[in-house]
N, C-alpha and C. Protein backbone atom coordinates (compact mmCIF):
# COMPACT_ATOMS: atom_id res chain seq x y z
N MET A 1 -22.73 29.37 31.18
CA MET A 1 -23.83 29.15 30.25
C MET A 1 -23.68 27.76 29.63
N THR A 2 -24.73 26.97 29.66
CA THR A 2 -24.71 25.61 29.13
C THR A 2 -25.10 25.61 27.66
N ALA A 3 -24.36 24.90 26.86
CA ALA A 3 -24.70 24.79 25.43
C ALA A 3 -25.93 23.89 25.26
N ILE A 4 -26.77 24.22 24.31
CA ILE A 4 -27.93 23.41 23.99
C ILE A 4 -27.45 22.22 23.16
N THR A 5 -27.85 21.03 23.55
CA THR A 5 -27.45 19.84 22.81
C THR A 5 -28.30 19.69 21.57
N GLY A 6 -27.82 18.90 20.61
CA GLY A 6 -28.60 18.61 19.42
C GLY A 6 -29.94 17.99 19.77
N ALA A 7 -29.94 17.09 20.76
CA ALA A 7 -31.20 16.45 21.16
C ALA A 7 -32.20 17.49 21.69
N GLN A 8 -31.73 18.48 22.46
CA GLN A 8 -32.63 19.53 22.96
C GLN A 8 -33.08 20.43 21.83
N GLU A 9 -32.21 20.70 20.88
CA GLU A 9 -32.61 21.50 19.71
C GLU A 9 -33.74 20.81 18.95
N LEU A 10 -33.69 19.49 18.87
CA LEU A 10 -34.76 18.74 18.21
C LEU A 10 -36.08 18.90 18.95
N VAL A 11 -36.04 18.80 20.26
CA VAL A 11 -37.25 18.99 21.07
C VAL A 11 -37.80 20.40 20.85
N ASP A 12 -36.93 21.39 20.88
CA ASP A 12 -37.35 22.78 20.67
C ASP A 12 -37.98 22.95 19.28
N THR A 13 -37.42 22.29 18.27
CA THR A 13 -37.95 22.38 16.91
C THR A 13 -39.36 21.80 16.85
N ILE A 14 -39.57 20.64 17.45
CA ILE A 14 -40.89 19.99 17.42
C ILE A 14 -41.90 20.83 18.20
N GLU A 15 -41.53 21.33 19.36
CA GLU A 15 -42.46 22.16 20.14
C GLU A 15 -42.83 23.42 19.36
N ALA A 16 -41.87 24.07 18.73
CA ALA A 16 -42.15 25.28 17.94
C ALA A 16 -43.03 24.96 16.73
N LEU A 17 -42.82 23.80 16.13
CA LEU A 17 -43.61 23.37 14.99
C LEU A 17 -45.09 23.40 15.33
N TYR A 18 -45.47 22.81 16.45
CA TYR A 18 -46.88 22.71 16.80
C TYR A 18 -47.42 23.98 17.45
N GLN A 19 -46.57 24.82 18.02
CA GLN A 19 -47.03 26.11 18.53
C GLN A 19 -47.46 27.00 17.39
N GLY A 20 -46.87 26.83 16.21
CA GLY A 20 -47.21 27.64 15.04
C GLY A 20 -48.14 26.92 14.09
N LEU A 21 -48.93 25.99 14.59
CA LEU A 21 -49.75 25.14 13.73
C LEU A 21 -50.68 25.92 12.80
N GLY A 22 -51.21 27.04 13.22
CA GLY A 22 -52.13 27.80 12.40
C GLY A 22 -51.47 28.60 11.29
N ASP A 23 -50.15 28.63 11.28
CA ASP A 23 -49.39 29.40 10.29
C ASP A 23 -48.69 28.41 9.36
N ARG A 24 -49.34 28.09 8.22
CA ARG A 24 -48.83 27.05 7.31
C ARG A 24 -47.42 27.37 6.84
N GLU A 25 -47.15 28.63 6.53
CA GLU A 25 -45.82 29.01 6.04
C GLU A 25 -44.75 28.73 7.09
N ALA A 26 -45.02 29.11 8.34
CA ALA A 26 -44.06 28.86 9.42
C ALA A 26 -43.90 27.36 9.67
N PHE A 27 -44.99 26.64 9.62
CA PHE A 27 -44.96 25.18 9.81
C PHE A 27 -44.09 24.55 8.72
N ASP A 28 -44.34 24.93 7.49
CA ASP A 28 -43.63 24.32 6.36
C ASP A 28 -42.15 24.66 6.33
N ARG A 29 -41.74 25.75 6.97
CA ARG A 29 -40.30 26.07 7.03
C ARG A 29 -39.54 25.02 7.82
N ARG A 30 -40.23 24.27 8.65
CA ARG A 30 -39.60 23.22 9.44
C ARG A 30 -39.64 21.86 8.74
N LEU A 31 -40.17 21.84 7.52
CA LEU A 31 -40.20 20.62 6.71
C LEU A 31 -39.21 20.77 5.58
N HIS A 32 -38.44 19.72 5.31
CA HIS A 32 -37.57 19.74 4.14
C HIS A 32 -38.48 19.68 2.91
N PRO A 33 -38.15 20.37 1.82
CA PRO A 33 -39.02 20.37 0.64
C PRO A 33 -39.32 18.97 0.09
N THR A 34 -38.42 18.02 0.30
CA THR A 34 -38.65 16.66 -0.20
C THR A 34 -39.12 15.71 0.91
N VAL A 35 -39.68 16.26 1.98
CA VAL A 35 -40.15 15.46 3.10
C VAL A 35 -41.01 14.28 2.61
N THR A 36 -40.87 13.13 3.27
CA THR A 36 -41.78 12.02 3.04
C THR A 36 -42.66 11.89 4.27
N VAL A 37 -43.92 11.46 4.04
CA VAL A 37 -44.90 11.46 5.13
C VAL A 37 -45.76 10.19 5.06
N TRP A 38 -45.85 9.49 6.20
CA TRP A 38 -46.86 8.44 6.40
C TRP A 38 -47.88 9.01 7.36
N GLU A 39 -49.14 9.02 6.98
CA GLU A 39 -50.23 9.49 7.85
C GLU A 39 -51.33 8.44 7.85
N THR A 40 -51.98 8.26 8.98
CA THR A 40 -53.08 7.30 9.08
C THR A 40 -54.15 7.56 8.04
N ALA A 41 -54.41 8.84 7.75
CA ALA A 41 -55.51 9.22 6.86
C ALA A 41 -55.24 8.97 5.38
N ASP A 42 -54.01 8.57 5.02
CA ASP A 42 -53.68 8.37 3.61
C ASP A 42 -52.75 7.17 3.49
N PRO A 43 -53.09 6.17 2.70
CA PRO A 43 -52.25 4.97 2.61
C PRO A 43 -50.96 5.17 1.82
N ARG A 44 -50.86 6.28 1.08
CA ARG A 44 -49.67 6.53 0.25
C ARG A 44 -48.50 7.02 1.08
N LEU A 45 -47.30 6.82 0.56
CA LEU A 45 -46.14 7.52 1.08
C LEU A 45 -46.13 8.86 0.36
N LEU A 46 -46.47 9.92 1.08
CA LEU A 46 -46.50 11.26 0.48
C LEU A 46 -45.07 11.74 0.29
N ARG A 47 -44.81 12.32 -0.87
CA ARG A 47 -43.45 12.78 -1.20
C ARG A 47 -43.48 14.27 -1.52
N GLY A 48 -42.92 15.06 -0.63
CA GLY A 48 -42.84 16.49 -0.83
C GLY A 48 -44.05 17.24 -0.29
N ILE A 49 -43.90 18.53 -0.14
CA ILE A 49 -44.93 19.38 0.45
C ILE A 49 -46.17 19.44 -0.44
N ALA A 50 -46.02 19.39 -1.76
CA ALA A 50 -47.19 19.45 -2.65
C ALA A 50 -48.11 18.25 -2.41
N GLU A 51 -47.56 17.04 -2.26
CA GLU A 51 -48.41 15.88 -1.97
C GLU A 51 -48.99 15.97 -0.56
N LEU A 52 -48.24 16.50 0.39
CA LEU A 52 -48.76 16.71 1.73
C LEU A 52 -49.95 17.67 1.68
N ASP A 53 -49.86 18.70 0.85
CA ASP A 53 -50.96 19.66 0.72
C ASP A 53 -52.23 19.00 0.17
N GLU A 54 -52.09 17.96 -0.64
CA GLU A 54 -53.26 17.22 -1.11
C GLU A 54 -54.03 16.64 0.07
N LEU A 55 -53.31 16.17 1.07
CA LEU A 55 -53.94 15.62 2.27
C LEU A 55 -54.46 16.74 3.18
N ARG A 56 -53.67 17.79 3.36
CA ARG A 56 -54.05 18.87 4.29
C ARG A 56 -55.15 19.76 3.74
N GLY A 57 -55.23 19.90 2.43
CA GLY A 57 -56.17 20.85 1.84
C GLY A 57 -55.54 22.23 1.79
N PRO A 58 -56.28 23.19 1.25
CA PRO A 58 -55.71 24.53 1.10
C PRO A 58 -55.48 25.21 2.46
N ALA A 59 -54.46 26.05 2.49
CA ALA A 59 -54.20 26.86 3.69
C ALA A 59 -55.30 27.91 3.79
N ILE A 60 -55.80 28.11 5.01
CA ILE A 60 -56.85 29.10 5.24
C ILE A 60 -56.26 30.25 6.04
N PRO A 61 -56.28 31.47 5.50
CA PRO A 61 -55.76 32.62 6.25
C PRO A 61 -56.50 32.78 7.58
N ALA A 62 -55.80 33.25 8.59
CA ALA A 62 -56.38 33.40 9.93
C ALA A 62 -57.69 34.18 9.90
N ALA A 63 -57.76 35.25 9.11
CA ALA A 63 -58.96 36.10 9.08
C ALA A 63 -60.16 35.38 8.46
N ALA A 64 -59.92 34.34 7.68
CA ALA A 64 -61.02 33.62 7.00
C ALA A 64 -61.46 32.36 7.73
N ARG A 65 -60.79 32.00 8.83
CA ARG A 65 -61.14 30.77 9.56
C ARG A 65 -62.48 30.91 10.26
N THR A 66 -63.30 29.88 10.17
CA THR A 66 -64.58 29.86 10.87
C THR A 66 -64.49 29.08 12.17
N ALA A 67 -63.44 28.29 12.34
CA ALA A 67 -63.24 27.52 13.56
C ALA A 67 -61.81 27.78 14.06
N PRO A 68 -61.62 27.73 15.37
CA PRO A 68 -60.27 27.95 15.88
C PRO A 68 -59.35 26.78 15.52
N VAL A 69 -58.07 27.08 15.47
CA VAL A 69 -57.06 26.04 15.24
C VAL A 69 -57.00 25.20 16.51
N PRO A 70 -57.03 23.88 16.39
CA PRO A 70 -56.97 23.05 17.61
C PRO A 70 -55.64 23.22 18.33
N ILE A 71 -55.64 22.89 19.60
CA ILE A 71 -54.42 22.90 20.40
C ILE A 71 -53.78 21.52 20.23
N VAL A 72 -52.57 21.48 19.70
CA VAL A 72 -51.86 20.22 19.46
C VAL A 72 -50.56 20.28 20.26
N THR A 73 -50.43 19.36 21.22
CA THR A 73 -49.31 19.40 22.15
C THR A 73 -48.49 18.12 22.06
N PRO A 74 -47.19 18.24 21.74
CA PRO A 74 -46.34 17.05 21.79
C PRO A 74 -46.01 16.70 23.24
N THR A 75 -46.16 15.42 23.58
CA THR A 75 -45.86 14.94 24.94
C THR A 75 -44.98 13.70 24.82
N HIS A 76 -44.44 13.24 25.95
CA HIS A 76 -43.63 12.02 25.99
C HIS A 76 -42.51 12.07 24.94
N ILE A 77 -41.85 13.21 24.82
CA ILE A 77 -40.85 13.42 23.77
C ILE A 77 -39.53 12.72 24.13
N VAL A 78 -39.03 11.96 23.16
CA VAL A 78 -37.71 11.34 23.26
C VAL A 78 -36.95 11.75 22.00
N SER A 79 -35.73 12.28 22.17
CA SER A 79 -34.98 12.73 20.99
C SER A 79 -33.53 12.30 21.09
N ASP A 80 -32.96 12.06 19.92
CA ASP A 80 -31.55 11.73 19.81
C ASP A 80 -30.99 12.43 18.59
N ALA A 81 -29.75 12.89 18.71
CA ALA A 81 -29.07 13.53 17.58
C ALA A 81 -27.70 12.91 17.41
N TRP A 82 -27.33 12.69 16.16
CA TRP A 82 -26.03 12.19 15.79
C TRP A 82 -25.51 13.13 14.72
N GLY A 83 -24.72 14.12 15.12
CA GLY A 83 -24.25 15.12 14.17
C GLY A 83 -25.42 15.91 13.61
N ASP A 84 -25.58 15.89 12.30
CA ASP A 84 -26.65 16.66 11.64
C ASP A 84 -27.89 15.82 11.35
N THR A 85 -28.03 14.66 12.01
CA THR A 85 -29.19 13.80 11.84
C THR A 85 -29.81 13.57 13.21
N GLY A 86 -31.13 13.54 13.26
CA GLY A 86 -31.80 13.29 14.53
C GLY A 86 -33.12 12.59 14.34
N VAL A 87 -33.61 12.00 15.42
CA VAL A 87 -34.92 11.37 15.42
C VAL A 87 -35.64 11.78 16.70
N VAL A 88 -36.93 12.07 16.54
CA VAL A 88 -37.76 12.47 17.68
C VAL A 88 -39.00 11.58 17.68
N ARG A 89 -39.29 11.00 18.84
CA ARG A 89 -40.49 10.19 19.01
C ARG A 89 -41.34 10.88 20.06
N TYR A 90 -42.66 10.97 19.80
CA TYR A 90 -43.53 11.68 20.72
C TYR A 90 -44.99 11.31 20.48
N VAL A 91 -45.82 11.75 21.40
CA VAL A 91 -47.27 11.59 21.28
C VAL A 91 -47.87 12.97 21.16
N LEU A 92 -48.75 13.15 20.16
CA LEU A 92 -49.49 14.41 20.03
C LEU A 92 -50.84 14.26 20.70
N GLU A 93 -51.19 15.22 21.52
CA GLU A 93 -52.52 15.29 22.11
C GLU A 93 -53.25 16.46 21.49
N VAL A 94 -54.42 16.19 20.93
CA VAL A 94 -55.19 17.21 20.21
C VAL A 94 -56.43 17.55 21.04
N ARG A 95 -56.65 18.86 21.22
CA ARG A 95 -57.81 19.38 21.94
C ARG A 95 -58.43 20.49 21.12
N ALA A 96 -59.73 20.67 21.26
CA ALA A 96 -60.41 21.76 20.56
C ALA A 96 -59.94 23.11 21.09
N ASP A 97 -59.71 23.20 22.39
CA ASP A 97 -59.20 24.41 23.02
C ASP A 97 -58.51 24.00 24.32
N GLU A 98 -57.96 24.97 25.04
CA GLU A 98 -57.17 24.66 26.24
C GLU A 98 -57.97 23.96 27.33
N ARG A 99 -59.26 24.17 27.40
CA ARG A 99 -60.09 23.59 28.46
C ARG A 99 -60.72 22.25 28.06
N SER A 100 -60.63 21.89 26.81
CA SER A 100 -61.28 20.67 26.32
C SER A 100 -60.45 19.43 26.60
N PRO A 101 -61.14 18.29 26.69
CA PRO A 101 -60.38 17.04 26.84
C PRO A 101 -59.68 16.67 25.54
N VAL A 102 -58.76 15.74 25.63
CA VAL A 102 -58.07 15.24 24.44
C VAL A 102 -59.08 14.53 23.55
N THR A 103 -59.13 14.93 22.28
CA THR A 103 -60.06 14.32 21.32
C THR A 103 -59.35 13.39 20.35
N GLU A 104 -58.04 13.52 20.25
CA GLU A 104 -57.27 12.68 19.34
C GLU A 104 -55.87 12.52 19.91
N THR A 105 -55.34 11.32 19.78
CA THR A 105 -53.98 11.03 20.21
C THR A 105 -53.24 10.41 19.03
N VAL A 106 -52.05 10.91 18.75
CA VAL A 106 -51.30 10.47 17.58
C VAL A 106 -49.87 10.14 18.01
N ARG A 107 -49.42 8.96 17.63
CA ARG A 107 -48.03 8.55 17.90
C ARG A 107 -47.20 8.96 16.68
N VAL A 108 -46.05 9.65 16.93
CA VAL A 108 -45.27 10.23 15.83
C VAL A 108 -43.79 9.89 15.97
N THR A 109 -43.17 9.64 14.84
CA THR A 109 -41.71 9.57 14.74
C THR A 109 -41.31 10.52 13.61
N ASP A 110 -40.40 11.44 13.91
CA ASP A 110 -39.87 12.36 12.90
C ASP A 110 -38.37 12.16 12.80
N VAL A 111 -37.88 12.11 11.56
CA VAL A 111 -36.45 12.10 11.29
C VAL A 111 -36.11 13.50 10.78
N LEU A 112 -35.10 14.10 11.36
CA LEU A 112 -34.71 15.47 10.99
C LEU A 112 -33.27 15.51 10.54
N ARG A 113 -32.98 16.50 9.72
CA ARG A 113 -31.62 16.75 9.27
C ARG A 113 -31.34 18.24 9.46
N ARG A 114 -30.16 18.56 9.96
CA ARG A 114 -29.78 19.96 10.14
C ARG A 114 -29.03 20.41 8.90
N ASP A 115 -29.47 21.56 8.34
CA ASP A 115 -28.79 22.15 7.20
C ASP A 115 -28.70 23.66 7.43
N ASP A 116 -28.47 24.42 6.39
CA ASP A 116 -28.33 25.88 6.52
C ASP A 116 -29.61 26.55 7.04
N HIS A 117 -30.74 25.85 6.99
CA HIS A 117 -32.02 26.38 7.46
C HIS A 117 -32.37 25.88 8.86
N GLY A 118 -31.46 25.19 9.51
CA GLY A 118 -31.71 24.62 10.84
C GLY A 118 -32.21 23.18 10.73
N TRP A 119 -32.82 22.69 11.80
CA TRP A 119 -33.36 21.34 11.81
C TRP A 119 -34.66 21.32 11.01
N ARG A 120 -34.75 20.39 10.05
CA ARG A 120 -35.98 20.25 9.27
C ARG A 120 -36.35 18.77 9.17
N ILE A 121 -37.63 18.52 9.17
CA ILE A 121 -38.14 17.15 9.11
C ILE A 121 -37.97 16.63 7.69
N VAL A 122 -37.30 15.47 7.57
CA VAL A 122 -37.15 14.82 6.27
C VAL A 122 -38.08 13.62 6.14
N HIS A 123 -38.55 13.08 7.29
CA HIS A 123 -39.55 12.02 7.25
C HIS A 123 -40.42 12.15 8.49
N HIS A 124 -41.74 12.06 8.28
CA HIS A 124 -42.74 12.16 9.36
C HIS A 124 -43.63 10.93 9.27
N HIS A 125 -43.74 10.20 10.37
CA HIS A 125 -44.59 9.01 10.42
C HIS A 125 -45.55 9.19 11.59
N ALA A 126 -46.85 9.27 11.30
CA ALA A 126 -47.86 9.49 12.34
C ALA A 126 -48.91 8.40 12.28
N GLN A 127 -49.33 7.93 13.46
CA GLN A 127 -50.36 6.90 13.56
C GLN A 127 -51.38 7.33 14.61
N ASP A 128 -52.65 7.40 14.20
CA ASP A 128 -53.72 7.74 15.15
C ASP A 128 -53.88 6.63 16.17
N LEU A 129 -54.11 7.01 17.41
CA LEU A 129 -54.39 6.08 18.50
C LEU A 129 -55.75 6.44 19.08
N ASP A 130 -56.27 5.58 19.94
CA ASP A 130 -57.51 5.93 20.63
C ASP A 130 -57.24 7.11 21.55
N PRO A 131 -58.23 8.03 21.72
CA PRO A 131 -58.02 9.17 22.63
C PRO A 131 -57.59 8.70 24.01
N GLY A 132 -56.61 9.40 24.55
CA GLY A 132 -56.13 9.07 25.88
C GLY A 132 -55.06 8.00 25.90
N THR A 133 -54.76 7.35 24.78
CA THR A 133 -53.72 6.33 24.73
C THR A 133 -52.38 7.02 24.55
N SER A 134 -51.43 6.70 25.41
CA SER A 134 -50.10 7.29 25.22
C SER A 134 -49.04 6.42 25.78
């Protein structure tokens, strides 16, 4: 049996993060409470989940959603781990559903730290690109 490397654990963490995109609580468990965030849609350096929620808006329970959660897939993933610190670089491809073309492409760098809760993102930097750019 082969041991999973820290770099592979980082990839697994990022893939699981976006597979659970419609579940805000599950998503947020992969964020450190003091996470910092750079997003194209907001010029501020967001500090902590409360400021991130200002950008995201309120969580909508699955039963109350009027539109499906988009399919967001990390691609071109590169990860490195040094002990309990890691960095993951990837491209997110956003689609309305599995059959739709890519409508948004986002270049991302995440810095993660491993603690008693597993790997959690301590800094997220995302930049929108033209659709199809990767």
